[in-house]
Each structure stands twice: as C-alpha cells, then as structure tokens.
Amino acid sequence: MSDQSFETTYGQMSDGELAKVLRDRRDLVPEARTALDLEVRKRDLDPSQLRKFRPHSIDKPWSRTRLGRFSKKIGIEEMRTKRIRGMWLVTLLVLSTLFAGILGHFGILEFFWPIITTIAIPAFTVWGHWKLKRQAWFWITIALVIAAHAAFFFFAGWPWGRRWVPAMTIAGLWNVDLIVVFTIIYFVEKLIGEKSDGSARLGG
C-alpha cells in the first residue's frame, strides 16, 4: 500500500478507530506509522490519551451517534479518555451504601437517587471542565445546574418513586443529563468568549 493510501485510509477513520490502530503502532510498516502520526497531528489529538480509549468506546464511538461531531465540541469525547481510580470507586461505593442505609433508616430511601443525581451530574461536569476552574461564570453555571436539579426533584420527585430501577436506566438518564449540561457549558463559554473578544476590539 502506498503512503497516499495509508493517509487516505486513516483520514477516513473516526478518532476511536485511530486509537485502535495506534495501540498496534509498533507492528505497522514505517510508511503506515508515518501516515498514522501525521493524521493524529492533523486532528490535534493526544496519542497518550487516545491509547486510553476503552474497547467498548472504540467500537461504538460518539461520532457515530446522532450528536455527530458536536459531541467533541461539548467535551463528551474528552470525557471518554478520563479514568476514575479504583480506590475512588471503592470509596464512592462505600459512601453510597452508607448514605442509602441512613436514608432507609429514616424511611426516605426514595430521596437517594434524586440526591445522588443532583450531586453527581455537577461533579462530573466539574471534573470534565476542570480547565475552567478559574472562571467565575463557570461556577455560577454549576450553581444554577445544582439549583435546577434540586428544584426539579423537589417539585416533580423521582419518576420511579421507591421502585427498583435498572442500572442501565440510571446510566441512560445520567448520559442525557450530562449531554444537556455539557451543551449549556459549551454555549455559555462561547458566549462569554465572544463578548470578551468584542470588548477587546472596542477597547483597542
């Protein structure tokens, strides 16, 4: 296969598919390695982060969903490369179990998922946008997100009440919630950036 063919092939791949090839980079011929590195640089991707993609995410990348490339703009693609350390997972599991036990003791176990969701969605949002930690507007937006969740659950309650809910249902609900919040952050950041650029031009 010619160099041009390698470039064309890699150029047609999604980021997830490139990550799959990158894992076996050392087994490629020199021309293929060169074309692969060129495509990674062209997309401004971080090879070390690409290698961390989970196989499930690689096989079903966000770029194939209805969100298309917008998922990369709002930061969903970047979230796929992040990892929660095992000790944190164990800690979260223990704390969640204790919290559920406390709520059950007081007979208000139906508040477990509303409270956890109200905490978890903003927490994941902050984790995924930590680069914005010095921006006041970001924390104001996070505060509004928390308030919106609290208000929703206060007036509407948990849709399933005390009934058992499959984990996949919770995961799906959180995914939709995160996409909405990430989209809000994206547009607010864009709006703030445009206002800043406009002020700079007027000041200049």
N, C-alpha and C. Protein backbone atom coordinates (compact mmCIF):
# COMPACT_ATOMS: atom_id res chain seq x y z
N MET A 1 0.85 -1.20 0.00
CA MET A 1 0.00 0.00 0.00
C MET A 1 0.88 1.25 0.00
N SER A 2 0.55 2.24 -0.81
CA SER A 2 1.36 3.45 -0.91
C SER A 2 1.13 4.37 0.28
N ASP A 3 2.04 5.35 0.44
CA ASP A 3 1.90 6.33 1.53
C ASP A 3 0.58 7.06 1.43
N GLN A 4 0.20 7.40 0.18
CA GLN A 4 -1.05 8.14 -0.03
C GLN A 4 -2.25 7.30 0.40
N SER A 5 -2.17 5.99 0.15
CA SER A 5 -3.27 5.08 0.52
C SER A 5 -3.41 5.01 2.04
N PHE A 6 -2.27 4.97 2.74
CA PHE A 6 -2.32 4.96 4.20
C PHE A 6 -2.97 6.24 4.72
N GLU A 7 -2.57 7.36 4.16
CA GLU A 7 -3.12 8.65 4.59
C GLU A 7 -4.62 8.72 4.33
N THR A 8 -5.04 8.21 3.18
CA THR A 8 -6.47 8.22 2.84
C THR A 8 -7.26 7.32 3.79
N THR A 9 -6.70 6.15 4.08
CA THR A 9 -7.37 5.19 4.97
C THR A 9 -7.54 5.76 6.36
N TYR A 10 -6.45 6.31 6.92
CA TYR A 10 -6.51 6.87 8.27
C TYR A 10 -7.37 8.12 8.32
N GLY A 11 -7.38 8.86 7.21
CA GLY A 11 -8.18 10.07 7.17
C GLY A 11 -9.67 9.81 7.23
N GLN A 12 -10.08 8.61 6.82
CA GLN A 12 -11.49 8.23 6.82
C GLN A 12 -11.94 7.58 8.13
N MET A 13 -10.98 7.34 9.03
CA MET A 13 -11.31 6.68 10.30
C MET A 13 -11.80 7.68 11.34
N SER A 14 -12.59 7.19 12.28
CA SER A 14 -13.01 8.01 13.42
C SER A 14 -11.85 8.06 14.42
N ASP A 15 -11.95 8.93 15.41
CA ASP A 15 -10.91 9.02 16.43
C ASP A 15 -10.76 7.69 17.16
N GLY A 16 -11.88 7.03 17.43
CA GLY A 16 -11.83 5.75 18.12
C GLY A 16 -11.12 4.68 17.31
N GLU A 17 -11.38 4.66 16.00
CA GLU A 17 -10.72 3.69 15.13
C GLU A 17 -9.22 3.96 15.03
N LEU A 18 -8.87 5.25 15.03
CA LEU A 18 -7.44 5.59 15.03
C LEU A 18 -6.77 5.11 16.31
N ALA A 19 -7.50 5.24 17.42
CA ALA A 19 -6.95 4.78 18.71
C ALA A 19 -6.67 3.29 18.68
N LYS A 20 -7.55 2.56 18.02
CA LYS A 20 -7.37 1.11 17.90
C LYS A 20 -6.09 0.79 17.13
N VAL A 21 -5.87 1.51 16.02
CA VAL A 21 -4.67 1.30 15.21
C VAL A 21 -3.43 1.74 15.99
N LEU A 22 -3.56 2.81 16.75
CA LEU A 22 -2.42 3.37 17.48
C LEU A 22 -1.89 2.37 18.51
N ARG A 23 -2.77 1.55 19.06
CA ARG A 23 -2.33 0.56 20.04
C ARG A 23 -1.36 -0.46 19.43
N ASP A 24 -1.51 -0.71 18.14
CA ASP A 24 -0.64 -1.69 17.45
C ASP A 24 0.36 -0.97 16.55
N ARG A 25 0.70 0.26 16.90
CA ARG A 25 1.56 1.08 16.05
C ARG A 25 2.90 0.41 15.76
N ARG A 26 3.48 -0.22 16.75
CA ARG A 26 4.81 -0.79 16.55
C ARG A 26 4.81 -1.97 15.58
N ASP A 27 3.63 -2.52 15.29
CA ASP A 27 3.54 -3.64 14.35
C ASP A 27 3.32 -3.16 12.91
N LEU A 28 3.16 -1.83 12.73
CA LEU A 28 2.91 -1.29 11.39
C LEU A 28 4.21 -1.10 10.62
N VAL A 29 4.09 -1.07 9.32
CA VAL A 29 5.26 -0.76 8.49
C VAL A 29 5.58 0.73 8.66
N PRO A 30 6.84 1.14 8.40
CA PRO A 30 7.24 2.54 8.61
C PRO A 30 6.33 3.55 7.91
N GLU A 31 5.92 3.23 6.68
CA GLU A 31 5.07 4.17 5.95
C GLU A 31 3.72 4.36 6.64
N ALA A 32 3.18 3.26 7.19
CA ALA A 32 1.90 3.33 7.89
C ALA A 32 2.03 4.13 9.18
N ARG A 33 3.15 3.93 9.90
CA ARG A 33 3.38 4.68 11.15
C ARG A 33 3.47 6.18 10.86
N THR A 34 4.16 6.53 9.79
CA THR A 34 4.30 7.94 9.43
C THR A 34 2.94 8.56 9.11
N ALA A 35 2.13 7.82 8.32
CA ALA A 35 0.80 8.33 7.95
C ALA A 35 -0.10 8.43 9.16
N LEU A 36 0.01 7.47 10.08
CA LEU A 36 -0.80 7.48 11.30
C LEU A 36 -0.44 8.67 12.17
N ASP A 37 0.86 8.90 12.37
CA ASP A 37 1.30 10.04 13.19
C ASP A 37 0.87 11.37 12.57
N LEU A 38 0.91 11.43 11.26
CA LEU A 38 0.51 12.65 10.55
C LEU A 38 -0.98 12.93 10.78
N GLU A 39 -1.81 11.89 10.71
CA GLU A 39 -3.26 12.06 10.89
C GLU A 39 -3.58 12.46 12.33
N VAL A 40 -2.86 11.89 13.29
CA VAL A 40 -3.07 12.24 14.70
C VAL A 40 -2.74 13.70 14.94
N ARG A 41 -1.60 14.16 14.35
CA ARG A 41 -1.21 15.57 14.50
C ARG A 41 -2.20 16.48 13.78
N LYS A 42 -2.68 16.04 12.62
CA LYS A 42 -3.61 16.85 11.83
C LYS A 42 -4.90 17.11 12.62
N ARG A 43 -5.33 16.12 13.42
CA ARG A 43 -6.57 16.26 14.20
C ARG A 43 -6.29 16.88 15.58
N ASP A 44 -5.03 17.17 15.83
CA ASP A 44 -4.64 17.77 17.12
C ASP A 44 -5.05 16.86 18.28
N LEU A 45 -4.78 15.56 18.13
CA LEU A 45 -5.11 14.59 19.16
C LEU A 45 -3.89 14.26 20.00
N ASP A 46 -4.13 13.84 21.22
CA ASP A 46 -3.05 13.46 22.13
C ASP A 46 -2.90 11.93 22.07
N PRO A 47 -1.80 11.42 21.53
CA PRO A 47 -1.63 9.96 21.40
C PRO A 47 -1.76 9.22 22.72
N SER A 48 -1.22 9.80 23.81
CA SER A 48 -1.28 9.13 25.11
C SER A 48 -2.73 9.00 25.58
N GLN A 49 -3.56 9.99 25.27
CA GLN A 49 -4.97 9.92 25.64
C GLN A 49 -5.73 8.96 24.73
N LEU A 50 -5.37 8.94 23.46
CA LEU A 50 -6.03 8.04 22.51
C LEU A 50 -5.86 6.58 22.93
N ARG A 51 -4.68 6.25 23.46
CA ARG A 51 -4.41 4.87 23.84
C ARG A 51 -5.26 4.42 25.03
N LYS A 52 -5.84 5.38 25.75
CA LYS A 52 -6.64 5.05 26.94
C LYS A 52 -8.11 4.79 26.62
N PHE A 53 -8.49 4.93 25.35
CA PHE A 53 -9.88 4.68 24.99
C PHE A 53 -10.25 3.25 25.35
N ARG A 54 -11.42 3.07 25.96
CA ARG A 54 -11.89 1.73 26.28
C ARG A 54 -12.38 1.03 25.01
N PRO A 55 -12.17 -0.29 24.92
CA PRO A 55 -12.59 -1.02 23.71
C PRO A 55 -14.05 -0.77 23.36
N HIS A 56 -14.94 -0.73 24.36
CA HIS A 56 -16.37 -0.51 24.08
C HIS A 56 -16.57 0.84 23.40
N SER A 57 -15.85 1.85 23.90
CA SER A 57 -15.98 3.18 23.33
C SER A 57 -15.39 3.25 21.92
N ILE A 58 -14.34 2.47 21.70
CA ILE A 58 -13.71 2.47 20.38
C ILE A 58 -14.64 1.84 19.36
N ASP A 59 -15.29 0.74 19.74
CA ASP A 59 -16.16 0.04 18.81
C ASP A 59 -17.43 0.84 18.52
N LYS A 60 -17.87 1.66 19.48
CA LYS A 60 -19.08 2.45 19.29
C LYS A 60 -18.80 3.91 19.64
N PRO A 61 -17.97 4.58 18.85
CA PRO A 61 -17.59 5.96 19.16
C PRO A 61 -18.77 6.91 19.08
N TRP A 62 -18.66 8.01 19.85
CA TRP A 62 -19.71 9.02 19.87
C TRP A 62 -19.94 9.62 18.48
N SER A 63 -18.89 9.60 17.64
CA SER A 63 -19.03 10.21 16.31
C SER A 63 -20.07 9.50 15.47
N ARG A 64 -20.48 8.29 15.88
CA ARG A 64 -21.48 7.56 15.13
C ARG A 64 -22.89 7.77 15.69
N THR A 65 -23.02 8.55 16.74
CA THR A 65 -24.34 8.82 17.30
C THR A 65 -24.96 10.01 16.58
N ARG A 66 -26.18 10.32 16.96
CA ARG A 66 -26.87 11.43 16.32
C ARG A 66 -26.22 12.77 16.66
N LEU A 67 -25.42 12.79 17.71
CA LEU A 67 -24.74 14.03 18.07
C LEU A 67 -23.66 14.39 17.05
N GLY A 68 -23.11 13.37 16.39
CA GLY A 68 -22.06 13.63 15.42
C GLY A 68 -20.85 14.29 16.04
N ARG A 69 -20.24 15.20 15.30
CA ARG A 69 -19.02 15.85 15.77
C ARG A 69 -19.29 16.84 16.89
N PHE A 70 -20.55 17.16 17.12
CA PHE A 70 -20.88 18.10 18.20
C PHE A 70 -20.47 17.54 19.56
N SER A 71 -20.44 16.20 19.68
CA SER A 71 -20.05 15.58 20.95
C SER A 71 -18.61 15.94 21.31
N LYS A 72 -17.77 16.13 20.29
CA LYS A 72 -16.38 16.52 20.55
C LYS A 72 -16.31 17.98 20.98
N LYS A 73 -17.15 18.81 20.39
CA LYS A 73 -17.16 20.23 20.72
C LYS A 73 -17.55 20.47 22.17
N ILE A 74 -18.53 19.74 22.66
CA ILE A 74 -19.02 19.98 24.02
C ILE A 74 -18.20 19.25 25.08
N GLY A 75 -17.23 18.41 24.65
CA GLY A 75 -16.34 17.77 25.61
C GLY A 75 -16.67 16.34 25.97
N ILE A 76 -17.68 15.75 25.34
CA ILE A 76 -18.04 14.36 25.64
C ILE A 76 -16.92 13.41 25.22
N GLU A 77 -16.31 13.66 24.06
CA GLU A 77 -15.21 12.81 23.57
C GLU A 77 -14.06 12.79 24.58
N GLU A 78 -13.74 13.95 25.13
CA GLU A 78 -12.64 14.04 26.09
C GLU A 78 -12.95 13.27 27.37
N MET A 79 -14.22 13.28 27.77
CA MET A 79 -14.61 12.56 28.99
C MET A 79 -14.36 11.07 28.86
N ARG A 80 -14.47 10.53 27.62
CA ARG A 80 -14.25 9.10 27.42
C ARG A 80 -12.83 8.68 27.77
N THR A 81 -11.89 9.59 27.70
CA THR A 81 -10.49 9.25 27.94
C THR A 81 -10.13 9.34 29.42
N LYS A 82 -11.02 9.86 30.24
CA LYS A 82 -10.73 10.03 31.66
C LYS A 82 -11.01 8.74 32.41
N ARG A 83 -10.32 8.54 33.51
CA ARG A 83 -10.47 7.34 34.31
C ARG A 83 -10.68 7.70 35.79
N ILE A 84 -11.50 6.90 36.46
CA ILE A 84 -11.66 7.04 37.90
C ILE A 84 -10.83 5.94 38.54
N ARG A 85 -9.92 6.31 39.43
CA ARG A 85 -9.05 5.31 40.07
C ARG A 85 -9.88 4.33 40.89
N GLY A 86 -9.37 3.10 41.00
CA GLY A 86 -10.07 2.05 41.73
C GLY A 86 -10.40 2.41 43.16
N MET A 87 -9.47 3.07 43.86
CA MET A 87 -9.70 3.44 45.27
C MET A 87 -10.87 4.42 45.39
N TRP A 88 -11.01 5.31 44.37
CA TRP A 88 -12.12 6.25 44.40
C TRP A 88 -13.44 5.54 44.14
N LEU A 89 -13.43 4.55 43.27
CA LEU A 89 -14.64 3.78 43.00
C LEU A 89 -15.11 3.04 44.25
N VAL A 90 -14.15 2.43 44.95
CA VAL A 90 -14.48 1.71 46.18
C VAL A 90 -15.02 2.69 47.23
N THR A 91 -14.36 3.86 47.35
CA THR A 91 -14.81 4.87 48.31
C THR A 91 -16.22 5.35 48.00
N LEU A 92 -16.48 5.62 46.72
CA LEU A 92 -17.81 6.07 46.31
C LEU A 92 -18.87 5.00 46.58
N LEU A 93 -18.52 3.74 46.35
CA LEU A 93 -19.45 2.64 46.58
C LEU A 93 -19.79 2.52 48.07
N VAL A 94 -18.76 2.61 48.91
CA VAL A 94 -18.97 2.52 50.36
C VAL A 94 -19.82 3.68 50.86
N LEU A 95 -19.48 4.89 50.43
CA LEU A 95 -20.23 6.08 50.87
C LEU A 95 -21.68 6.01 50.39
N SER A 96 -21.88 5.56 49.14
CA SER A 96 -23.24 5.45 48.61
C SER A 96 -24.06 4.44 49.41
N THR A 97 -23.42 3.31 49.77
CA THR A 97 -24.12 2.29 50.56
C THR A 97 -24.50 2.82 51.93
N LEU A 98 -23.55 3.52 52.58
CA LEU A 98 -23.83 4.11 53.90
C LEU A 98 -24.94 5.15 53.80
N PHE A 99 -24.90 5.96 52.75
CA PHE A 99 -25.91 7.00 52.57
C PHE A 99 -27.29 6.39 52.36
N ALA A 100 -27.33 5.33 51.55
CA ALA A 100 -28.60 4.64 51.32
C ALA A 100 -29.13 4.04 52.62
N GLY A 101 -28.20 3.49 53.42
CA GLY A 101 -28.60 2.92 54.71
C GLY A 101 -29.19 3.97 55.65
N ILE A 102 -28.59 5.15 55.67
CA ILE A 102 -29.08 6.25 56.52
C ILE A 102 -30.47 6.70 56.08
N LEU A 103 -30.65 6.88 54.77
CA LEU A 103 -31.94 7.30 54.24
C LEU A 103 -33.00 6.23 54.51
N GLY A 104 -32.61 4.97 54.36
CA GLY A 104 -33.55 3.87 54.63
C GLY A 104 -33.95 3.83 56.09
N HIS A 105 -32.99 4.12 56.99
CA HIS A 105 -33.26 4.13 58.42
C HIS A 105 -34.34 5.16 58.78
N PHE A 106 -34.31 6.30 58.09
CA PHE A 106 -35.28 7.37 58.35
C PHE A 106 -36.52 7.25 57.45
N GLY A 107 -36.58 6.19 56.64
CA GLY A 107 -37.75 5.96 55.81
C GLY A 107 -37.90 6.88 54.62
N ILE A 108 -36.79 7.40 54.15
CA ILE A 108 -36.84 8.33 53.00
C ILE A 108 -35.88 7.86 51.89
N LEU A 109 -35.86 6.56 51.67
CA LEU A 109 -34.94 5.99 50.68
C LEU A 109 -35.24 6.49 49.27
N GLU A 110 -36.47 6.94 49.02
CA GLU A 110 -36.83 7.43 47.68
C GLU A 110 -36.06 8.69 47.31
N PHE A 111 -35.40 9.33 48.29
CA PHE A 111 -34.61 10.53 48.01
C PHE A 111 -33.18 10.20 47.59
N PHE A 112 -32.82 8.91 47.63
CA PHE A 112 -31.43 8.53 47.34
C PHE A 112 -31.00 8.97 45.95
N TRP A 113 -31.72 8.53 44.89
CA TRP A 113 -31.30 8.84 43.53
C TRP A 113 -31.43 10.33 43.19
N PRO A 114 -32.48 11.02 43.65
CA PRO A 114 -32.51 12.46 43.39
C PRO A 114 -31.31 13.20 43.97
N ILE A 115 -30.92 12.83 45.20
CA ILE A 115 -29.78 13.50 45.84
C ILE A 115 -28.48 13.13 45.13
N ILE A 116 -28.31 11.83 44.84
CA ILE A 116 -27.09 11.37 44.17
C ILE A 116 -26.96 12.02 42.79
N THR A 117 -28.07 12.10 42.06
CA THR A 117 -28.04 12.71 40.73
C THR A 117 -27.70 14.19 40.81
N THR A 118 -28.29 14.87 41.79
CA THR A 118 -28.04 16.30 41.96
C THR A 118 -26.58 16.57 42.29
N ILE A 119 -25.93 15.63 42.96
CA ILE A 119 -24.51 15.78 43.30
C ILE A 119 -23.61 15.31 42.15
N ALA A 120 -23.96 14.14 41.58
CA ALA A 120 -23.08 13.50 40.60
C ALA A 120 -22.96 14.28 39.29
N ILE A 121 -24.07 14.78 38.76
CA ILE A 121 -24.01 15.47 37.47
C ILE A 121 -23.12 16.71 37.54
N PRO A 122 -23.29 17.59 38.53
CA PRO A 122 -22.37 18.74 38.63
C PRO A 122 -20.93 18.29 38.88
N ALA A 123 -20.75 17.22 39.67
CA ALA A 123 -19.40 16.73 39.97
C ALA A 123 -18.70 16.26 38.70
N PHE A 124 -19.39 15.48 37.86
CA PHE A 124 -18.82 15.02 36.60
C PHE A 124 -18.57 16.20 35.66
N THR A 125 -19.45 17.19 35.72
CA THR A 125 -19.28 18.37 34.86
C THR A 125 -18.02 19.13 35.25
N VAL A 126 -17.81 19.31 36.55
CA VAL A 126 -16.60 20.00 37.03
C VAL A 126 -15.36 19.19 36.65
N TRP A 127 -15.43 17.89 36.84
CA TRP A 127 -14.30 17.01 36.50
C TRP A 127 -13.97 17.11 35.02
N GLY A 128 -14.99 17.19 34.18
CA GLY A 128 -14.75 17.25 32.75
C GLY A 128 -14.36 18.63 32.24
N HIS A 129 -14.55 19.66 33.08
CA HIS A 129 -14.22 21.03 32.68
C HIS A 129 -13.27 21.70 33.68
N TRP A 130 -12.38 20.92 34.25
CA TRP A 130 -11.50 21.45 35.29
C TRP A 130 -10.64 22.61 34.79
N LYS A 131 -10.41 22.66 33.50
CA LYS A 131 -9.62 23.75 32.92
C LYS A 131 -10.30 25.11 33.11
N LEU A 132 -11.61 25.08 33.40
CA LEU A 132 -12.37 26.33 33.57
C LEU A 132 -12.50 26.72 35.04
N LYS A 133 -11.75 26.06 35.91
CA LYS A 133 -11.91 26.26 37.35
C LYS A 133 -11.66 27.69 37.81
N ARG A 134 -10.93 28.48 37.04
CA ARG A 134 -10.64 29.87 37.42
C ARG A 134 -11.68 30.86 36.88
N GLN A 135 -12.67 30.35 36.18
CA GLN A 135 -13.68 31.22 35.58
C GLN A 135 -14.89 31.35 36.50
N ALA A 136 -15.22 32.57 36.90
CA ALA A 136 -16.36 32.79 37.80
C ALA A 136 -17.66 32.34 37.17
N TRP A 137 -17.83 32.60 35.85
CA TRP A 137 -19.07 32.23 35.18
C TRP A 137 -19.31 30.73 35.21
N PHE A 138 -18.21 29.95 35.22
CA PHE A 138 -18.33 28.50 35.24
C PHE A 138 -18.97 28.04 36.55
N TRP A 139 -18.50 28.58 37.67
CA TRP A 139 -19.03 28.18 38.97
C TRP A 139 -20.46 28.69 39.17
N ILE A 140 -20.76 29.83 38.59
CA ILE A 140 -22.14 30.33 38.64
C ILE A 140 -23.06 29.38 37.87
N THR A 141 -22.58 28.91 36.71
CA THR A 141 -23.36 27.96 35.91
C THR A 141 -23.55 26.65 36.66
N ILE A 142 -22.50 26.17 37.32
CA ILE A 142 -22.60 24.93 38.10
C ILE A 142 -23.62 25.10 39.23
N ALA A 143 -23.60 26.26 39.90
CA ALA A 143 -24.56 26.53 40.97
C ALA A 143 -25.99 26.51 40.44
N LEU A 144 -26.18 27.06 39.24
CA LEU A 144 -27.51 27.07 38.63
C LEU A 144 -27.94 25.66 38.23
N VAL A 145 -26.99 24.84 37.79
CA VAL A 145 -27.29 23.45 37.44
C VAL A 145 -27.75 22.69 38.69
N ILE A 146 -27.05 22.90 39.80
CA ILE A 146 -27.44 22.25 41.06
C ILE A 146 -28.83 22.71 41.48
N ALA A 147 -29.06 24.02 41.39
CA ALA A 147 -30.37 24.58 41.77
C ALA A 147 -31.48 24.02 40.89
N ALA A 148 -31.19 23.88 39.59
CA ALA A 148 -32.19 23.36 38.65
C ALA A 148 -32.55 21.90 38.98
N HIS A 149 -31.54 21.10 39.30
CA HIS A 149 -31.79 19.71 39.67
C HIS A 149 -32.60 19.62 40.96
N ALA A 150 -32.19 20.42 41.96
CA ALA A 150 -32.89 20.41 43.25
C ALA A 150 -34.35 20.82 43.07
N ALA A 151 -34.58 21.85 42.26
CA ALA A 151 -35.94 22.33 42.03
C ALA A 151 -36.77 21.28 41.30
N PHE A 152 -36.16 20.64 40.30
CA PHE A 152 -36.89 19.62 39.54
C PHE A 152 -37.34 18.48 40.44
N PHE A 153 -36.40 17.95 41.24
CA PHE A 153 -36.74 16.81 42.09
C PHE A 153 -37.68 17.21 43.23
N PHE A 154 -37.60 18.47 43.67
CA PHE A 154 -38.48 18.94 44.74
C PHE A 154 -39.93 18.99 44.25
N PHE A 155 -40.12 19.49 43.03
CA PHE A 155 -41.48 19.64 42.50
C PHE A 155 -41.99 18.40 41.78
N ALA A 156 -41.09 17.72 41.05
CA ALA A 156 -41.52 16.56 40.26
C ALA A 156 -41.25 15.23 40.95
N GLY A 157 -40.25 15.21 41.84
CA GLY A 157 -39.90 13.97 42.51
C GLY A 157 -39.16 13.01 41.59
N TRP A 158 -38.79 11.86 42.13
CA TRP A 158 -38.13 10.82 41.35
C TRP A 158 -39.18 10.07 40.56
N PRO A 159 -39.04 9.98 39.24
CA PRO A 159 -40.10 9.38 38.39
C PRO A 159 -40.55 7.99 38.83
N TRP A 160 -39.64 7.20 39.40
CA TRP A 160 -39.98 5.81 39.75
C TRP A 160 -40.30 5.61 41.23
N GLY A 161 -40.30 6.69 42.00
CA GLY A 161 -40.63 6.57 43.41
C GLY A 161 -39.70 5.61 44.14
N ARG A 162 -40.27 4.63 44.85
CA ARG A 162 -39.46 3.65 45.60
C ARG A 162 -39.15 2.40 44.79
N ARG A 163 -39.66 2.35 43.55
CA ARG A 163 -39.45 1.16 42.73
C ARG A 163 -38.00 0.99 42.32
N TRP A 164 -37.59 -0.27 42.14
CA TRP A 164 -36.23 -0.57 41.70
C TRP A 164 -36.07 -0.12 40.25
N VAL A 165 -34.92 0.47 39.97
CA VAL A 165 -34.64 0.98 38.62
C VAL A 165 -33.38 0.30 38.09
N PRO A 166 -33.41 -0.29 36.89
CA PRO A 166 -32.21 -0.93 36.32
C PRO A 166 -31.06 0.06 36.18
N ALA A 167 -29.85 -0.45 36.38
CA ALA A 167 -28.66 0.41 36.30
C ALA A 167 -28.55 1.08 34.93
N MET A 168 -28.94 0.36 33.87
CA MET A 168 -28.86 0.93 32.52
C MET A 168 -29.80 2.12 32.37
N THR A 169 -30.92 2.09 33.07
CA THR A 169 -31.86 3.22 33.02
C THR A 169 -31.25 4.44 33.68
N ILE A 170 -30.61 4.22 34.83
CA ILE A 170 -29.94 5.33 35.54
C ILE A 170 -28.81 5.88 34.66
N ALA A 171 -28.01 4.97 34.07
CA ALA A 171 -26.90 5.40 33.22
C ALA A 171 -27.40 6.21 32.03
N GLY A 172 -28.49 5.76 31.42
CA GLY A 172 -29.06 6.48 30.28
C GLY A 172 -29.55 7.86 30.68
N LEU A 173 -30.22 7.93 31.83
CA LEU A 173 -30.70 9.22 32.35
C LEU A 173 -29.54 10.17 32.60
N TRP A 174 -28.48 9.66 33.22
CA TRP A 174 -27.31 10.49 33.52
C TRP A 174 -26.63 10.94 32.23
N ASN A 175 -26.55 10.06 31.24
CA ASN A 175 -25.92 10.43 29.97
C ASN A 175 -26.65 11.59 29.30
N VAL A 176 -27.97 11.50 29.26
CA VAL A 176 -28.76 12.59 28.67
C VAL A 176 -28.58 13.87 29.47
N ASP A 177 -28.61 13.73 30.79
CA ASP A 177 -28.43 14.89 31.68
C ASP A 177 -27.07 15.55 31.45
N LEU A 178 -26.02 14.73 31.37
CA LEU A 178 -24.67 15.26 31.16
C LEU A 178 -24.54 15.96 29.81
N ILE A 179 -25.14 15.38 28.79
CA ILE A 179 -25.08 16.00 27.46
C ILE A 179 -25.73 17.37 27.49
N VAL A 180 -26.88 17.48 28.18
CA VAL A 180 -27.56 18.77 28.29
C VAL A 180 -26.70 19.79 29.03
N VAL A 181 -26.12 19.37 30.16
CA VAL A 181 -25.29 20.29 30.96
C VAL A 181 -24.02 20.67 30.21
N PHE A 182 -23.37 19.69 29.55
CA PHE A 182 -22.16 19.98 28.78
C PHE A 182 -22.47 20.95 27.63
N THR A 183 -23.65 20.79 27.04
CA THR A 183 -24.06 21.69 25.96
C THR A 183 -24.24 23.11 26.49
N ILE A 184 -24.84 23.23 27.67
CA ILE A 184 -25.03 24.54 28.29
C ILE A 184 -23.68 25.21 28.54
N ILE A 185 -22.74 24.43 29.11
CA ILE A 185 -21.40 24.96 29.39
C ILE A 185 -20.74 25.42 28.09
N TYR A 186 -20.89 24.62 27.03
CA TYR A 186 -20.30 24.95 25.73
C TYR A 186 -20.80 26.29 25.21
N PHE A 187 -22.12 26.48 25.24
CA PHE A 187 -22.70 27.71 24.70
C PHE A 187 -22.42 28.92 25.59
N VAL A 188 -22.40 28.71 26.91
CA VAL A 188 -22.07 29.83 27.81
C VAL A 188 -20.62 30.25 27.60
N GLU A 189 -19.71 29.26 27.49
CA GLU A 189 -18.30 29.58 27.25
C GLU A 189 -18.13 30.31 25.92
N LYS A 190 -18.86 29.87 24.91
CA LYS A 190 -18.78 30.51 23.60
C LYS A 190 -19.30 31.94 23.67
N LEU A 191 -20.41 32.13 24.39
CA LEU A 191 -20.99 33.45 24.53
C LEU A 191 -20.07 34.40 25.28
N ILE A 192 -19.48 33.89 26.37
CA ILE A 192 -18.54 34.71 27.16
C ILE A 192 -17.32 35.06 26.33
N GLY A 193 -16.83 34.09 25.55
CA GLY A 193 -15.67 34.33 24.70
C GLY A 193 -15.94 35.37 23.64
N GLU A 194 -17.12 35.31 23.04
CA GLU A 194 -17.47 36.30 22.01
C GLU A 194 -17.60 37.70 22.60
N LYS A 195 -18.16 37.79 23.81
CA LYS A 195 -18.28 39.10 24.46
C LYS A 195 -16.91 39.66 24.81
N SER A 196 -16.01 38.79 25.26
CA SER A 196 -14.66 39.22 25.62
C SER A 196 -13.92 39.72 24.39
N ASP A 197 -14.06 38.99 23.26
CA ASP A 197 -13.40 39.40 22.03
C ASP A 197 -13.95 40.74 21.55
N GLY A 198 -15.29 40.92 21.67
CA GLY A 198 -15.90 42.17 21.25
C GLY A 198 -15.44 43.34 22.09
N SER A 199 -15.32 43.12 23.41
CA SER A 199 -14.85 44.18 24.31
C SER A 199 -13.41 44.55 24.01
N ALA A 200 -12.61 43.50 23.70
CA ALA A 200 -11.19 43.75 23.41
C ALA A 200 -11.04 44.58 22.15
N ARG A 201 -11.88 44.29 21.14
CA ARG A 201 -11.80 45.04 19.89
C ARG A 201 -12.23 46.49 20.10
N LEU A 202 -13.27 46.68 20.91
CA LEU A 202 -13.74 48.06 21.16
C LEU A 202 -12.72 48.83 21.98
N GLY A 203 -12.08 48.13 22.91
CA GLY A 203 -11.08 48.79 23.74
C GLY A 203 -9.84 49.14 22.96
N GLY A 204 -9.55 48.29 21.94
CA GLY A 204 -8.35 48.52 21.12
C GLY A 204 -8.58 49.67 20.16
